[in-house]
Protein backbone atom coordinates (compact mmCIF):
# COMPACT_ATOMS: atom_id res chain seq x y z
CA UNK A 1 -9.56 36.01 17.02
CA UNK A 2 -8.41 32.82 15.30
CA UNK A 3 -8.41 33.41 11.55
CA UNK A 4 -7.28 29.93 10.49
CA UNK A 5 -9.00 26.62 11.12
CA UNK A 6 -7.38 23.20 11.13
CA UNK A 7 -9.62 20.19 10.58
CA UNK A 8 -8.46 16.86 12.01
CA UNK A 9 -9.54 13.38 10.95
CA UNK A 10 -8.36 10.94 13.62
CA UNK A 11 -8.26 7.47 12.09
CA UNK A 12 -7.10 4.13 13.36
CA UNK A 13 -4.16 4.03 10.95
CA UNK A 14 -3.55 7.69 9.98
CA UNK A 15 -4.09 11.19 11.29
CA UNK A 16 -5.00 13.69 8.59
CA UNK A 17 -5.23 17.46 8.93
CA UNK A 18 -6.12 20.35 6.63
CA UNK A 19 -5.43 24.00 7.42
CA UNK A 20 -7.62 26.67 5.84
CA UNK A 21 -7.73 30.45 6.18
CA UNK A 22 -10.65 32.74 6.97
CA UNK A 23 -11.77 32.79 3.32
CA UNK A 24 -11.79 28.99 3.07
CA UNK A 25 -8.59 28.70 1.05
CA UNK A 26 -6.35 25.71 1.63
CA UNK A 27 -3.07 26.55 3.32
CA UNK A 28 -1.68 23.06 3.96
CA UNK A 29 -2.60 19.37 3.96
CA UNK A 30 -0.96 16.84 6.29
CA UNK A 31 -1.02 13.10 6.90
CA UNK A 32 0.89 11.06 9.47
CA UNK A 33 0.82 7.31 10.08
CA UNK A 34 -0.87 6.48 13.38
CA UNK A 35 -1.30 2.78 14.22
CA UNK A 36 -3.58 3.70 17.10
CA UNK A 37 -4.16 0.08 18.14
CA UNK A 38 -0.60 0.15 19.50
CA UNK A 39 -1.39 2.85 22.08
CA UNK A 40 -2.33 6.48 22.61
CA UNK A 41 1.33 7.42 22.35
CA UNK A 42 0.93 6.85 18.59
CA UNK A 43 -1.74 9.56 18.51
CA UNK A 44 0.47 11.90 20.52
CA UNK A 45 3.34 11.40 18.09
CA UNK A 46 1.22 11.87 14.96
CA UNK A 47 -0.54 15.02 16.16
CA UNK A 48 2.69 16.49 17.52
CA UNK A 49 4.45 15.86 14.18
CA UNK A 50 1.73 17.83 12.38
CA UNK A 51 1.70 20.64 14.95
CA UNK A 52 5.44 21.07 14.42
CA UNK A 53 4.83 21.73 10.71
CA UNK A 54 2.20 24.44 11.15
CA UNK A 55 3.26 27.90 9.94
CA UNK A 56 2.00 29.46 13.19
CA UNK A 57 0.13 28.38 16.32
CA UNK A 58 -2.99 30.57 16.43
CA UNK A 59 -5.65 28.24 15.04
CA UNK A 60 -9.12 27.02 15.79
CA UNK A 61 -9.41 23.23 15.73
CA UNK A 62 -12.19 20.85 14.74
CA UNK A 63 -12.06 17.06 14.80
CA UNK A 64 -13.86 14.06 13.41
CA UNK A 65 -12.81 10.46 13.89
CA UNK A 66 -12.93 6.76 13.10
CA UNK A 67 -10.10 5.73 15.42
CA UNK A 68 -12.45 4.88 18.27
CA UNK A 69 -13.01 1.51 16.56
CA UNK A 70 -9.50 0.12 17.18
CA UNK A 71 -9.14 -2.65 19.73
CA UNK A 72 -7.10 -0.46 22.05
CA UNK A 73 -10.42 0.70 23.48
CA UNK A 74 -13.01 -1.32 25.41
CA UNK A 75 -15.80 -0.01 23.17
CA UNK A 76 -16.56 2.91 20.86
CA UNK A 77 -17.76 5.23 23.65
CA UNK A 78 -14.49 4.63 25.49
CA UNK A 79 -12.55 5.37 22.29
CA UNK A 80 -14.43 8.61 21.57
CA UNK A 81 -13.87 9.84 25.13
CA UNK A 82 -10.15 8.97 25.08
CA UNK A 83 -9.52 10.56 21.69
CA UNK A 84 -11.27 13.80 22.66
CA UNK A 85 -9.39 13.95 25.95
CA UNK A 86 -6.08 13.34 24.19
CA UNK A 87 -6.73 16.07 21.63
CA UNK A 88 -7.73 18.51 24.37
CA UNK A 89 -4.41 17.87 26.10
CA UNK A 90 -2.41 18.23 22.89
CA UNK A 91 -4.16 21.33 21.54
CA UNK A 92 -4.76 23.25 24.76
CA UNK A 93 -5.37 26.16 25.16
CA UNK A 94 -6.88 26.39 21.66
CA UNK A 95 -10.64 25.99 21.21
CA UNK A 96 -11.68 22.51 20.04
CA UNK A 97 -14.90 21.65 18.22
CA UNK A 98 -16.01 18.05 17.79
CA UNK A 99 -18.18 16.82 14.92
CA UNK A 100 -21.23 15.07 16.36
CA UNK A 101 -22.80 14.05 13.07
CA UNK A 102 -26.44 15.10 12.75
CA UNK A 103 -26.00 17.50 15.69
CA UNK A 104 -23.13 19.27 13.98
CA UNK A 105 -20.09 20.75 15.69
CA UNK A 106 -20.04 20.98 19.48
CA UNK A 107 -17.39 22.52 21.72
CA UNK A 108 -15.38 19.75 23.34
CA UNK A 109 -16.17 20.89 26.88
CA UNK A 110 -19.90 20.62 26.05
CA UNK A 111 -19.70 17.00 24.90
CA UNK A 112 -21.83 14.57 26.93
CA UNK A 113 -21.99 10.79 26.93
CA UNK A 114 -25.13 10.92 24.76
CA UNK A 115 -23.04 12.49 21.98
CA UNK A 116 -20.53 9.62 21.78
CA UNK A 117 -22.56 7.42 19.38
CA UNK A 118 -23.06 10.44 17.11
CA UNK A 119 -19.34 11.26 17.09
CA UNK A 120 -18.15 7.70 16.47
CA UNK A 121 -17.05 7.11 12.84
CA UNK A 122 -18.99 10.12 11.54
CA UNK A 123 -16.24 11.50 9.30
CA UNK A 124 -18.11 10.28 6.19
CA UNK A 125 -21.01 12.58 7.06
CA UNK A 126 -18.71 15.60 7.35
CA UNK A 127 -17.36 15.04 3.84
CA UNK A 128 -20.72 14.21 2.26
CA UNK A 129 -22.45 17.16 3.96
CA UNK A 130 -19.83 19.56 2.62
CA UNK A 131 -20.18 18.17 -0.93
CA UNK A 132 -23.99 18.16 -0.79
CA UNK A 133 -24.07 21.82 0.20
CA UNK A 134 -21.66 22.67 -2.59
CA UNK A 135 -23.19 20.67 -5.44
CA UNK A 136 -26.77 19.78 -4.54
CA UNK A 137 -26.81 16.29 -6.08
CA UNK A 138 -24.47 13.48 -7.09
CA UNK A 139 -22.89 10.32 -5.76
CA UNK A 140 -20.02 10.92 -3.35
CA UNK A 141 -17.43 8.13 -3.25
CA UNK A 142 -14.48 8.30 -0.87
CA UNK A 143 -12.12 5.41 -1.60
CA UNK A 144 -9.37 5.46 0.98
CA UNK A 145 -6.59 3.27 2.28
CA UNK A 146 -8.95 1.03 4.25
CA UNK A 147 -12.62 1.70 3.43
CA UNK A 148 -14.91 3.12 0.77
CA UNK A 149 -17.90 5.38 1.54
CA UNK A 150 -20.68 5.73 -1.04
CA UNK A 151 -23.32 8.41 -0.39
CA UNK A 152 -26.24 9.68 -2.42
CA UNK A 153 -26.62 13.47 -2.43
CA UNK A 154 -29.80 15.24 -3.49
CA UNK A 155 -31.44 18.61 -2.80
CA UNK A 156 -28.27 19.72 -0.98
CA UNK A 157 -28.66 16.91 1.57
CA UNK A 158 -27.04 13.55 2.25
CA UNK A 159 -29.60 10.84 1.52
CA UNK A 160 -28.10 8.20 3.81
CA UNK A 161 -29.95 5.06 4.84
CA UNK A 162 -27.49 4.11 7.58
CA UNK A 163 -25.61 6.02 10.27
CA UNK A 164 -23.53 3.61 12.35
CA UNK A 165 -20.87 1.41 10.78
CA UNK A 166 -23.18 -1.59 11.22
CA UNK A 167 -26.11 0.13 9.52
CA UNK A 168 -23.92 1.39 6.69
CA UNK A 169 -22.44 -2.05 6.07
CA UNK A 170 -26.01 -3.34 5.74
CA UNK A 171 -27.01 -0.51 3.36
CA UNK A 172 -23.74 -0.89 1.39
CA UNK A 173 -22.96 2.78 1.94
CA UNK A 174 -19.79 1.51 3.64
CA UNK A 175 -17.71 -1.10 1.83
CA UNK A 176 -14.76 -2.28 3.85
CA UNK A 177 -12.20 -2.21 1.08
CA UNK A 178 -9.35 0.20 0.37
CA UNK A 179 -6.28 0.49 -1.81
CA UNK A 180 -3.52 0.24 0.79
CA UNK A 181 -4.30 -1.71 3.96
CA UNK A 182 -6.86 -4.24 2.68
CA UNK A 183 -5.58 -7.81 2.47
CA UNK A 184 -5.72 -9.25 -1.05
CA UNK A 185 -7.56 -12.30 0.31
CA UNK A 186 -10.35 -9.97 1.49
CA UNK A 187 -10.97 -8.65 -2.04
CA UNK A 188 -11.43 -11.88 -3.95
CA UNK A 189 -11.13 -15.63 -3.48
CA UNK A 190 -10.09 -16.23 -7.08
CA UNK A 191 -8.08 -14.47 -9.76
CA UNK A 192 -6.82 -15.08 -13.27
CA UNK A 193 -3.21 -16.10 -13.89
CA UNK A 194 -1.89 -17.01 -17.33
CA UNK A 195 -5.40 -17.56 -18.65
CA UNK A 196 -6.46 -19.84 -15.79
CA UNK A 197 -8.79 -19.12 -12.90
CA UNK A 198 -7.04 -19.94 -9.65
CA UNK A 199 -8.04 -19.80 -6.00
CA UNK A 200 -6.14 -17.47 -3.71
CA UNK A 201 -4.57 -18.60 -0.46
CA UNK A 202 -6.39 -17.30 2.61
CA UNK A 203 -3.15 -15.99 4.05
CA UNK A 204 -1.95 -12.50 4.90
CA UNK A 205 0.78 -12.62 2.27
CA UNK A 206 -0.07 -9.41 0.39
CA UNK A 207 -2.15 -6.25 0.58
CA UNK A 208 -3.80 -4.08 -2.04
CA UNK A 209 -0.83 -1.71 -1.70
CA UNK A 210 1.19 -4.44 -3.42
CA UNK A 211 -1.36 -4.54 -6.24
CA UNK A 212 -1.23 -0.78 -6.81
CA UNK A 213 2.55 -0.58 -6.52
CA UNK A 214 2.81 -3.15 -9.30
CA UNK A 215 0.21 -1.34 -11.46
CA UNK A 216 2.06 1.94 -10.80
CA UNK A 217 -0.95 3.73 -9.25
CA UNK A 218 0.06 4.06 -5.60
CA UNK A 219 1.69 7.38 -4.78
CA UNK A 220 4.63 7.01 -2.39
CA UNK A 221 3.21 9.71 -0.11
CA UNK A 222 0.06 7.61 0.41
CA UNK A 223 2.06 4.47 1.14
CA UNK A 224 2.48 4.78 4.91
CA UNK A 225 1.51 1.29 6.13
CA UNK A 226 3.86 -1.62 6.77
CA UNK A 227 3.92 -4.41 4.21
CA UNK A 228 2.50 -7.84 5.05
CA UNK A 229 5.97 -9.35 5.51
CA UNK A 230 7.70 -6.25 6.83
CA UNK A 231 9.94 -6.11 3.75
CA UNK A 232 10.53 -3.25 1.33
CA UNK A 233 7.90 -1.51 -0.81
CA UNK A 234 9.54 -1.90 -4.21
CA UNK A 235 7.69 -3.22 -7.26
CA UNK A 236 9.78 -6.40 -7.17
CA UNK A 237 9.07 -7.04 -3.48
CA UNK A 238 5.36 -6.35 -4.08
CA UNK A 239 5.25 -8.79 -7.00
CA UNK A 240 6.97 -11.41 -4.83
CA UNK A 241 4.28 -11.03 -2.15
CA UNK A 242 1.55 -11.34 -4.79
CA UNK A 243 3.15 -14.51 -6.17
CA UNK A 244 2.83 -16.12 -2.74
CA UNK A 245 -0.95 -15.67 -2.92
CA UNK A 246 -1.06 -18.48 -5.50
CA UNK A 247 1.79 -20.60 -4.18
CA UNK A 248 4.46 -19.47 -6.63
CA UNK A 249 8.03 -18.29 -6.36
CA UNK A 250 8.86 -14.96 -7.96
CA UNK A 251 11.40 -14.67 -10.76
CA UNK A 252 12.42 -11.26 -12.09
CA UNK A 253 11.89 -12.20 -15.73
CA UNK A 254 8.20 -12.88 -14.92
CA UNK A 255 7.37 -9.37 -13.76
CA UNK A 256 4.92 -8.91 -16.67
CA UNK A 257 3.02 -11.99 -15.46
CA UNK A 258 2.55 -10.45 -12.01
CA UNK A 259 1.57 -7.11 -13.48
CA UNK A 260 -1.28 -8.86 -15.31
CA UNK A 261 -2.17 -10.69 -12.09
CA UNK A 262 -2.27 -7.38 -10.18
CA UNK A 263 -4.45 -5.80 -12.87
CA UNK A 264 -6.92 -8.67 -12.53
CA UNK A 265 -7.19 -8.21 -8.77
CA UNK A 266 -7.57 -4.46 -9.32
CA UNK A 267 -10.49 -5.16 -11.67
CA UNK A 268 -12.18 -7.29 -9.01
CA UNK A 269 -11.90 -4.56 -6.38
CA UNK A 270 -13.20 -2.00 -8.85
CA UNK A 271 -16.20 -4.25 -9.60
CA UNK A 272 -16.94 -4.55 -5.89
CA UNK A 273 -17.00 -0.78 -5.46
CA UNK A 274 -18.93 -0.27 -8.70
CA UNK A 275 -21.64 -2.67 -7.52
CA UNK A 276 -21.95 -0.57 -4.37
CA UNK A 277 -22.29 2.58 -6.49
CA UNK A 278 -24.96 0.95 -8.67
CA UNK A 279 -26.86 -0.13 -5.54
CA UNK A 280 -26.98 3.45 -4.24
CA UNK A 281 -27.91 4.90 -7.64
CA UNK A 282 -30.79 2.42 -7.89
CA UNK A 283 -32.32 3.90 -4.73
CA UNK A 284 -32.89 7.35 -6.17
CA UNK A 285 -33.25 8.71 -9.67
CA UNK A 286 -30.56 11.35 -9.93
CA UNK A 287 -30.37 13.59 -12.97
CA UNK A 288 -28.22 12.02 -15.69
CA UNK A 289 -25.70 14.85 -15.43
CA UNK A 290 -25.22 14.40 -11.69
CA UNK A 291 -21.55 13.49 -11.18
CA UNK A 292 -19.62 10.95 -9.20
CA UNK A 293 -17.49 12.95 -6.80
CA UNK A 294 -14.23 11.18 -6.03
CA UNK A 295 -12.26 11.52 -2.79
CA UNK A 296 -9.61 9.50 -1.03
CA UNK A 297 -6.28 8.14 -2.19
CA UNK A 298 -8.07 5.57 -4.37
CA UNK A 299 -10.24 8.03 -6.25
CA UNK A 300 -8.63 7.00 -9.53
CA UNK A 301 -10.95 3.98 -9.24
CA UNK A 302 -13.94 6.32 -8.82
CA UNK A 303 -12.97 8.06 -12.05
CA UNK A 304 -12.99 4.69 -13.84
CA UNK A 305 -16.38 3.82 -12.32
CA UNK A 306 -17.88 7.15 -13.41
CA UNK A 307 -16.78 6.37 -16.98
CA UNK A 308 -18.23 2.85 -16.75
CA UNK A 309 -21.55 4.21 -15.49
CA UNK A 310 -21.69 6.98 -18.09
CA UNK A 311 -21.58 9.79 -15.55
CA UNK A 312 -19.35 12.85 -15.24
CA UNK A 313 -16.50 12.74 -12.73
CA UNK A 314 -15.63 15.55 -10.33
CA UNK A 315 -12.63 15.56 -8.01
CA UNK A 316 -13.24 16.63 -4.41
CA UNK A 317 -10.16 18.88 -4.62
CA UNK A 318 -11.95 21.05 -7.18
CA UNK A 319 -14.58 22.01 -4.59
CA UNK A 320 -12.20 23.82 -2.25
CA UNK A 321 -10.15 26.78 -3.48
CA UNK A 322 -6.42 26.41 -3.10
CA UNK A 323 -3.77 29.01 -3.87
CA UNK A 324 -1.13 28.28 -6.49
CA UNK A 325 1.28 26.27 -4.38
CA UNK A 326 2.85 22.85 -4.54
CA UNK A 327 0.87 20.71 -2.10
CA UNK A 328 2.38 17.25 -1.76
CA UNK A 329 -1.02 15.98 -0.62
CA UNK A 330 -4.29 16.97 -2.30
CA UNK A 331 -7.33 18.03 -0.32
CA UNK A 332 -9.16 15.05 -1.83
CA UNK A 333 -6.62 12.76 -0.12
CA UNK A 334 -7.87 14.02 3.23
CA UNK A 335 -11.48 14.93 2.44
CA UNK A 336 -13.01 14.57 5.94
CA UNK A 337 -10.32 16.81 7.44
CA UNK A 338 -10.87 19.43 4.74
CA UNK A 339 -14.65 19.22 5.11
CA UNK A 340 -14.58 19.55 8.89
CA UNK A 341 -12.32 22.60 8.65
CA UNK A 342 -14.73 24.23 6.20
CA UNK A 343 -17.80 23.35 8.29
CA UNK A 344 -16.08 24.76 11.39
CA UNK A 345 -15.30 27.97 9.53
CA UNK A 346 -18.97 28.34 8.57
CA UNK A 347 -20.01 27.43 12.12
CA UNK A 348 -17.90 30.29 13.48
């Protein structure tokens, strides 16, 4: 019998994994960069790197994904099929369960073509379902490196209007903004510099990782994506990339100027996410004490939004018991992987 379960979240830029024991306690949390658009060999390398770190090999496995969306694949069905096949090869002979959204977890060898649309980009539902069952009601906000999911929870259920990425973009339950990979030009067209409003260049000069390096809020362990210019990830290099967004050269003595500039762009991204939260809260009258539950590497923004909206804040990590150990990554950093591991444990 397999006592431990490892949940996998196969993304287009990262692979995340969370290992839990038979009582649901966290044993380990992993994340590896995986630029899947470059080829399936990237997925092989990322999964293999995590497997090499596992304390032992006797585990059950469960997966959810968003990586099927990358342009390596002809379409999402093709991506789902290829990712499942790759994981079966890498994890064999272990049992593999696949999260098929509203149909729950299904053994990989029972997956049919009709399941592919349910499997595609359903990791948000794994996380939100776990939180809904734990808390009953609230607003779940997972702000990650690339995207932000915003889900209403009530009566222990996820009250989602959309299911596919397209539907969720329409309902604003998916906002395509994150704190690492998102281009600065995708967050705002204007910013404030030295008291003046200025238009930003529509060029891939800088990413939001540059913003959060300069504000001091991006943890090095979350910073796994290449910079826009391929240069280093220091505060100075980040400020230099930000200066290019408004046609300026960077001078070291002006670092305070670029810190203020970064803080202004941060505020604009926060406003974008907060508007999405307000939109979801307007759909359903939650009890005043219902919290915002923050997940993802950008959940520090969710904490700020909860304060702005006058609601309590709860960290996703507080919902899963973890022994007293030094985890370099928190479970909230990899919420879908943690949730899918827990749901697989209950499914067993």
